[in-house]
Amino acid sequence: MTMPSPLLSVRVPQELMDAISAAATHSNKSQVVIDILSSHFNPVPEDEVGQLRRRLEVVEQRLAMMRD
């Protein structure tokens, strides 16, 4: 039997709540906040970010060529 996740209750400024709500189009607000906290406390290593940026550039170039 798995233990339930701990509960964290916080007050946030209205602007943050609006941003969280807007980001929660395909998931719930809790998942949006969990994803944001996870990326903050477990950031992707910079070399991996660079690799992902280069791969994205290649994909964007290929898409541009397909449109022409």
PDB file of N, CA and C in Angstrom:
ATOM      1  N   MET A   1       0.845  -1.183   0.000  1.00  0.00           N
ATOM      2  CA  MET A   1       0.000   0.000   0.000  1.00  0.00           C
ATOM      3  C   MET A   1       0.893   1.249   0.000  1.00  0.00           C
ATOM      4  N   THR A   2       0.643   2.167  -0.923  1.00  0.00           N
ATOM      5  CA  THR A   2       1.441   3.392  -1.001  1.00  0.00           C
ATOM      6  C   THR A   2       0.876   4.449  -0.068  1.00  0.00           C
ATOM      7  N   MET A   3       1.794   5.214   0.460  1.00  0.00           N
ATOM      8  CA  MET A   3       1.400   6.310   1.344  1.00  0.00           C
ATOM      9  C   MET A   3       0.958   7.494   0.487  1.00  0.00           C
ATOM     10  N   PRO A   4      -0.064   8.218   0.928  1.00  0.00           N
ATOM     11  CA  PRO A   4      -0.466   9.404   0.164  1.00  0.00           C
ATOM     12  C   PRO A   4       0.613  10.474   0.258  1.00  0.00           C
ATOM     13  N   SER A   5       0.665  11.312  -0.743  1.00  0.00           N
ATOM     14  CA  SER A   5       1.634  12.413  -0.741  1.00  0.00           C
ATOM     15  C   SER A   5       1.275  13.401   0.366  1.00  0.00           C
ATOM     16  N   PRO A   6       2.276  14.038   0.955  1.00  0.00           N
ATOM     17  CA  PRO A   6       1.989  15.051   1.974  1.00  0.00           C
ATOM     18  C   PRO A   6       1.241  16.228   1.363  1.00  0.00           C
ATOM     19  N   LEU A   7       0.468  16.911   2.180  1.00  0.00           N
ATOM     20  CA  LEU A   7      -0.315  18.058   1.736  1.00  0.00           C
ATOM     21  C   LEU A   7       0.434  19.337   2.072  1.00  0.00           C
ATOM     22  N   LEU A   8       0.514  20.258   1.114  1.00  0.00           N
ATOM     23  CA  LEU A   8       1.119  21.564   1.317  1.00  0.00           C
ATOM     24  C   LEU A   8       0.083  22.610   0.945  1.00  0.00           C
ATOM     25  N   SER A   9      -0.217  23.483   1.874  1.00  0.00           N
ATOM     26  CA  SER A   9      -1.200  24.530   1.619  1.00  0.00           C
ATOM     27  C   SER A   9      -0.510  25.877   1.759  1.00  0.00           C
ATOM     28  N   VAL A  10      -0.579  26.702   0.721  1.00  0.00           N
ATOM     29  CA  VAL A  10       0.068  28.011   0.733  1.00  0.00           C
ATOM     30  C   VAL A  10      -0.857  29.058   0.126  1.00  0.00           C
ATOM     31  N   ARG A  11      -0.604  30.288   0.493  1.00  0.00           N
ATOM     32  CA  ARG A  11      -1.298  31.415  -0.140  1.00  0.00           C
ATOM     33  C   ARG A  11      -0.360  31.986  -1.195  1.00  0.00           C
ATOM     34  N   VAL A  12      -0.898  32.283  -2.356  1.00  0.00           N
ATOM     35  CA  VAL A  12      -0.096  32.853  -3.434  1.00  0.00           C
ATOM     36  C   VAL A  12      -0.764  34.128  -3.926  1.00  0.00           C
ATOM     37  N   PRO A  13       0.032  35.042  -4.483  1.00  0.00           N
ATOM     38  CA  PRO A  13      -0.568  36.250  -5.074  1.00  0.00           C
ATOM     39  C   PRO A  13      -1.525  35.869  -6.213  1.00  0.00           C
ATOM     40  N   GLN A  14      -2.508  36.711  -6.443  1.00  0.00           N
ATOM     41  CA  GLN A  14      -3.513  36.434  -7.464  1.00  0.00           C
ATOM     42  C   GLN A  14      -2.886  36.217  -8.836  1.00  0.00           C
ATOM     43  N   GLU A  15      -1.794  36.962  -9.148  1.00  0.00           N
ATOM     44  CA  GLU A  15      -1.146  36.805 -10.454  1.00  0.00           C
ATOM     45  C   GLU A  15      -0.606  35.389 -10.628  1.00  0.00           C
ATOM     46  N   LEU A  16      -0.021  34.828  -9.565  1.00  0.00           N
ATOM     47  CA  LEU A  16       0.475  33.453  -9.652  1.00  0.00           C
ATOM     48  C   LEU A  16      -0.680  32.468  -9.790  1.00  0.00           C
ATOM     49  N   MET A  17      -1.748  32.702  -9.055  1.00  0.00           N
ATOM     50  CA  MET A  17      -2.903  31.806  -9.150  1.00  0.00           C
ATOM     51  C   MET A  17      -3.481  31.831 -10.558  1.00  0.00           C
ATOM     52  N   ASP A  18      -3.530  33.011 -11.163  1.00  0.00           N
ATOM     53  CA  ASP A  18      -4.026  33.124 -12.538  1.00  0.00           C
ATOM     54  C   ASP A  18      -3.126  32.355 -13.501  1.00  0.00           C
ATOM     55  N   ALA A  19      -1.803  32.473 -13.298  1.00  0.00           N
ATOM     56  CA  ALA A  19      -0.858  31.766 -14.166  1.00  0.00           C
ATOM     57  C   ALA A  19      -0.980  30.251 -13.989  1.00  0.00           C
ATOM     58  N   ILE A  20      -1.131  29.798 -12.761  1.00  0.00           N
ATOM     59  CA  ILE A  20      -1.295  28.364 -12.491  1.00  0.00           C
ATOM     60  C   ILE A  20      -2.575  27.858 -13.140  1.00  0.00           C
ATOM     61  N   SER A  21      -3.647  28.605 -12.979  1.00  0.00           N
ATOM     62  CA  SER A  21      -4.925  28.205 -13.579  1.00  0.00           C
ATOM     63  C   SER A  21      -4.835  28.152 -15.096  1.00  0.00           C
ATOM     64  N   ALA A  22      -4.148  29.123 -15.687  1.00  0.00           N
ATOM     65  CA  ALA A  22      -3.999  29.151 -17.144  1.00  0.00           C
ATOM     66  C   ALA A  22      -3.167  27.970 -17.632  1.00  0.00           C
ATOM     67  N   ALA A  23      -2.171  27.569 -16.844  1.00  0.00           N
ATOM     68  CA  ALA A  23      -1.304  26.456 -17.238  1.00  0.00           C
ATOM     69  C   ALA A  23      -1.981  25.113 -17.042  1.00  0.00           C
ATOM     70  N   ALA A  24      -3.043  25.080 -16.278  1.00  0.00           N
ATOM     71  CA  ALA A  24      -3.709  23.821 -15.949  1.00  0.00           C
ATOM     72  C   ALA A  24      -4.780  23.441 -16.965  1.00  0.00           C
ATOM     73  N   THR A  25      -4.490  23.612 -18.252  1.00  0.00           N
ATOM     74  CA  THR A  25      -5.494  23.306 -19.268  1.00  0.00           C
ATOM     75  C   THR A  25      -5.709  21.808 -19.426  1.00  0.00           C
ATOM     76  N   HIS A  26      -4.629  21.002 -19.319  1.00  0.00           N
ATOM     77  CA  HIS A  26      -4.761  19.560 -19.507  1.00  0.00           C
ATOM     78  C   HIS A  26      -4.434  18.769 -18.240  1.00  0.00           C
ATOM     79  N   SER A  27      -4.164  19.453 -17.145  1.00  0.00           N
ATOM     80  CA  SER A  27      -3.895  18.776 -15.881  1.00  0.00           C
ATOM     81  C   SER A  27      -4.471  19.638 -14.765  1.00  0.00           C
ATOM     82  N   ASN A  28      -4.442  19.106 -13.570  1.00  0.00           N
ATOM     83  CA  ASN A  28      -4.998  19.905 -12.478  1.00  0.00           C
ATOM     84  C   ASN A  28      -3.939  20.855 -11.911  1.00  0.00           C
ATOM     85  N   LYS A  29      -4.378  21.793 -11.109  1.00  0.00           N
ATOM     86  CA  LYS A  29      -3.468  22.808 -10.567  1.00  0.00           C
ATOM     87  C   LYS A  29      -2.373  22.172  -9.721  1.00  0.00           C
ATOM     88  N   SER A  30      -2.713  21.139  -8.971  1.00  0.00           N
ATOM     89  CA  SER A  30      -1.697  20.472  -8.147  1.00  0.00           C
ATOM     90  C   SER A  30      -0.562  19.943  -9.011  1.00  0.00           C
ATOM     91  N   GLN A  31      -0.904  19.335 -10.147  1.00  0.00           N
ATOM     92  CA  GLN A  31       0.138  18.789 -11.013  1.00  0.00           C
ATOM     93  C   GLN A  31       0.994  19.890 -11.614  1.00  0.00           C
ATOM     94  N   VAL A  32       0.394  21.016 -11.943  1.00  0.00           N
ATOM     95  CA  VAL A  32       1.161  22.155 -12.469  1.00  0.00           C
ATOM     96  C   VAL A  32       2.170  22.621 -11.439  1.00  0.00           C
ATOM     97  N   VAL A  33       1.731  22.782 -10.186  1.00  0.00           N
ATOM     98  CA  VAL A  33       2.626  23.237  -9.126  1.00  0.00           C
ATOM     99  C   VAL A  33       3.708  22.194  -8.858  1.00  0.00           C
ATOM    100  N   ILE A  34       3.362  20.907  -8.847  1.00  0.00           N
ATOM    101  CA  ILE A  34       4.343  19.834  -8.650  1.00  0.00           C
ATOM    102  C   ILE A  34       5.397  19.885  -9.755  1.00  0.00           C
ATOM    103  N   ASP A  35       4.968  20.048 -11.003  1.00  0.00           N
ATOM    104  CA  ASP A  35       5.908  20.121 -12.128  1.00  0.00           C
ATOM    105  C   ASP A  35       6.856  21.316 -11.990  1.00  0.00           C
ATOM    106  N   ILE A  36       6.308  22.463 -11.602  1.00  0.00           N
ATOM    107  CA  ILE A  36       7.127  23.668 -11.443  1.00  0.00           C
ATOM    108  C   ILE A  36       8.128  23.486 -10.307  1.00  0.00           C
ATOM    109  N   LEU A  37       7.672  22.969  -9.176  1.00  0.00           N
ATOM    110  CA  LEU A  37       8.578  22.753  -8.047  1.00  0.00           C
ATOM    111  C   LEU A  37       9.652  21.721  -8.386  1.00  0.00           C
ATOM    112  N   SER A  38       9.261  20.677  -9.088  1.00  0.00           N
ATOM    113  CA  SER A  38      10.232  19.646  -9.478  1.00  0.00           C
ATOM    114  C   SER A  38      11.307  20.224 -10.385  1.00  0.00           C
ATOM    115  N   SER A  39      10.900  21.034 -11.365  1.00  0.00           N
ATOM    116  CA  SER A  39      11.895  21.609 -12.270  1.00  0.00           C
ATOM    117  C   SER A  39      12.779  22.628 -11.547  1.00  0.00           C
ATOM    118  N   HIS A  40      12.241  23.279 -10.537  1.00  0.00           N
ATOM    119  CA  HIS A  40      13.042  24.241  -9.773  1.00  0.00           C
ATOM    120  C   HIS A  40      14.081  23.525  -8.901  1.00  0.00           C
ATOM    121  N   PHE A  41      13.649  22.482  -8.211  1.00  0.00           N
ATOM    122  CA  PHE A  41      14.546  21.792  -7.280  1.00  0.00           C
ATOM    123  C   PHE A  41      15.370  20.696  -7.938  1.00  0.00           C
ATOM    124  N   ASN A  42      14.987  20.258  -9.118  1.00  0.00           N
ATOM    125  CA  ASN A  42      15.729  19.235  -9.865  1.00  0.00           C
ATOM    126  C   ASN A  42      15.940  19.717 -11.299  1.00  0.00           C
ATOM    127  N   PRO A  43      16.708  20.797 -11.490  1.00  0.00           N
ATOM    128  CA  PRO A  43      16.860  21.355 -12.842  1.00  0.00           C
ATOM    129  C   PRO A  43      17.595  20.395 -13.771  1.00  0.00           C
ATOM    130  N   VAL A  44      17.289  20.531 -15.048  1.00  0.00           N
ATOM    131  CA  VAL A  44      17.975  19.750 -16.075  1.00  0.00           C
ATOM    132  C   VAL A  44      19.398  20.276 -16.176  1.00  0.00           C
ATOM    133  N   PRO A  45      20.396  19.403 -16.210  1.00  0.00           N
ATOM    134  CA  PRO A  45      21.783  19.884 -16.340  1.00  0.00           C
ATOM    135  C   PRO A  45      21.951  20.757 -17.586  1.00  0.00           C
ATOM    136  N   GLU A  46      22.785  21.787 -17.488  1.00  0.00           N
ATOM    137  CA  GLU A  46      22.946  22.760 -18.572  1.00  0.00           C
ATOM    138  C   GLU A  46      23.377  22.120 -19.882  1.00  0.00           C
ATOM    139  N   ASP A  47      24.247  21.099 -19.822  1.00  0.00           N
ATOM    140  CA  ASP A  47      24.671  20.481 -21.073  1.00  0.00           C
ATOM    141  C   ASP A  47      23.498  19.779 -21.753  1.00  0.00           C
ATOM    142  N   GLU A  48      22.592  19.233 -20.975  1.00  0.00           N
ATOM    143  CA  GLU A  48      21.414  18.592 -21.551  1.00  0.00           C
ATOM    144  C   GLU A  48      20.477  19.640 -22.152  1.00  0.00           C
ATOM    145  N   VAL A  49      20.372  20.788 -21.501  1.00  0.00           N
ATOM    146  CA  VAL A  49      19.544  21.873 -22.027  1.00  0.00           C
ATOM    147  C   VAL A  49      20.101  22.334 -23.373  1.00  0.00           C
ATOM    148  N   GLY A  50      21.418  22.464 -23.477  1.00  0.00           N
ATOM    149  CA  GLY A  50      22.038  22.861 -24.739  1.00  0.00           C
ATOM    150  C   GLY A  50      21.753  21.870 -25.846  1.00  0.00           C
ATOM    151  N   GLN A  51      21.828  20.587 -25.513  1.00  0.00           N
ATOM    152  CA  GLN A  51      21.535  19.548 -26.505  1.00  0.00           C
ATOM    153  C   GLN A  51      20.088  19.634 -26.958  1.00  0.00           C
ATOM    154  N   LEU A  52      19.185  19.850 -26.025  1.00  0.00           N
ATOM    155  CA  LEU A  52      17.767  19.964 -26.381  1.00  0.00           C
ATOM    156  C   LEU A  52      17.507  21.198 -27.244  1.00  0.00           C
ATOM    157  N   ARG A  53      18.187  22.297 -26.949  1.00  0.00           N
ATOM    158  CA  ARG A  53      18.026  23.506 -27.768  1.00  0.00           C
ATOM    159  C   ARG A  53      18.497  23.265 -29.199  1.00  0.00           C
ATOM    160  N   ARG A  54      19.642  22.601 -29.342  1.00  0.00           N
ATOM    161  CA  ARG A  54      20.154  22.310 -30.688  1.00  0.00           C
ATOM    162  C   ARG A  54      19.194  21.394 -31.442  1.00  0.00           C
ATOM    163  N   ARG A  55      18.660  20.385 -30.763  1.00  0.00           N
ATOM    164  CA  ARG A  55      17.714  19.473 -31.417  1.00  0.00           C
ATOM    165  C   ARG A  55      16.450  20.214 -31.831  1.00  0.00           C
ATOM    166  N   LEU A  56      15.995  21.130 -30.987  1.00  0.00           N
ATOM    167  CA  LEU A  56      14.814  21.922 -31.316  1.00  0.00           C
ATOM    168  C   LEU A  56      15.072  22.802 -32.533  1.00  0.00           C
ATOM    169  N   GLU A  57      16.255  23.393 -32.612  1.00  0.00           N
ATOM    170  CA  GLU A  57      16.601  24.219 -33.769  1.00  0.00           C
ATOM    171  C   GLU A  57      16.551  23.401 -35.054  1.00  0.00           C
ATOM    172  N   VAL A  58      17.059  22.172 -35.011  1.00  0.00           N
ATOM    173  CA  VAL A  58      17.041  21.301 -36.195  1.00  0.00           C
ATOM    174  C   VAL A  58      15.600  21.005 -36.589  1.00  0.00           C
ATOM    175  N   VAL A  59      14.764  20.691 -35.622  1.00  0.00           N
ATOM    176  CA  VAL A  59      13.354  20.391 -35.916  1.00  0.00           C
ATOM    177  C   VAL A  59      12.675  21.616 -36.513  1.00  0.00           C
ATOM    178  N   GLU A  60      12.937  22.797 -35.946  1.00  0.00           N
ATOM    179  CA  GLU A  60      12.326  24.017 -36.468  1.00  0.00           C
ATOM    180  C   GLU A  60      12.787  24.292 -37.898  1.00  0.00           C
ATOM    181  N   GLN A  61      14.068  24.057 -38.186  1.00  0.00           N
ATOM    182  CA  GLN A  61      14.571  24.250 -39.540  1.00  0.00           C
ATOM    183  C   GLN A  61      13.892  23.294 -40.508  1.00  0.00           C
ATOM    184  N   ARG A  62      13.733  22.052 -40.097  1.00  0.00           N
ATOM    185  CA  ARG A  62      13.075  21.074 -40.976  1.00  0.00           C
ATOM    186  C   ARG A  62      11.622  21.442 -41.220  1.00  0.00           C
ATOM    187  N   LEU A  63      10.941  21.916 -40.202  1.00  0.00           N
ATOM    188  CA  LEU A  63       9.566  22.348 -40.377  1.00  0.00           C
ATOM    189  C   LEU A  63       9.469  23.533 -41.328  1.00  0.00           C
ATOM    190  N   ALA A  64      10.400  24.470 -41.194  1.00  0.00           N
ATOM    191  CA  ALA A  64      10.422  25.622 -42.082  1.00  0.00           C
ATOM    192  C   ALA A  64      10.626  25.201 -43.525  1.00  0.00           C
ATOM    193  N   MET A  65      11.512  24.215 -43.754  1.00  0.00           N
ATOM    194  CA  MET A  65      11.749  23.721 -45.101  1.00  0.00           C
ATOM    195  C   MET A  65      10.509  23.030 -45.671  1.00  0.00           C
ATOM    196  N   MET A  66       9.776  22.333 -44.819  1.00  0.00           N
ATOM    197  CA  MET A  66       8.569  21.630 -45.271  1.00  0.00           C
ATOM    198  C   MET A  66       7.467  22.628 -45.668  1.00  0.00           C
ATOM    199  N   ARG A  67       7.448  23.786 -45.004  1.00  0.00           N
ATOM    200  CA  ARG A  67       6.425  24.806 -45.303  1.00  0.00           C
ATOM    201  C   ARG A  67       6.716  25.517 -46.626  1.00  0.00           C
ATOM    202  N   ASP A  68       8.003  25.608 -46.988  1.00  0.00           N
ATOM    203  CA  ASP A  68       8.374  26.334 -48.218  1.00  0.00           C
ATOM    204  C   ASP A  68       8.072  25.565 -49.455  1.00  0.00           C
TER     205      ASP A  68
END
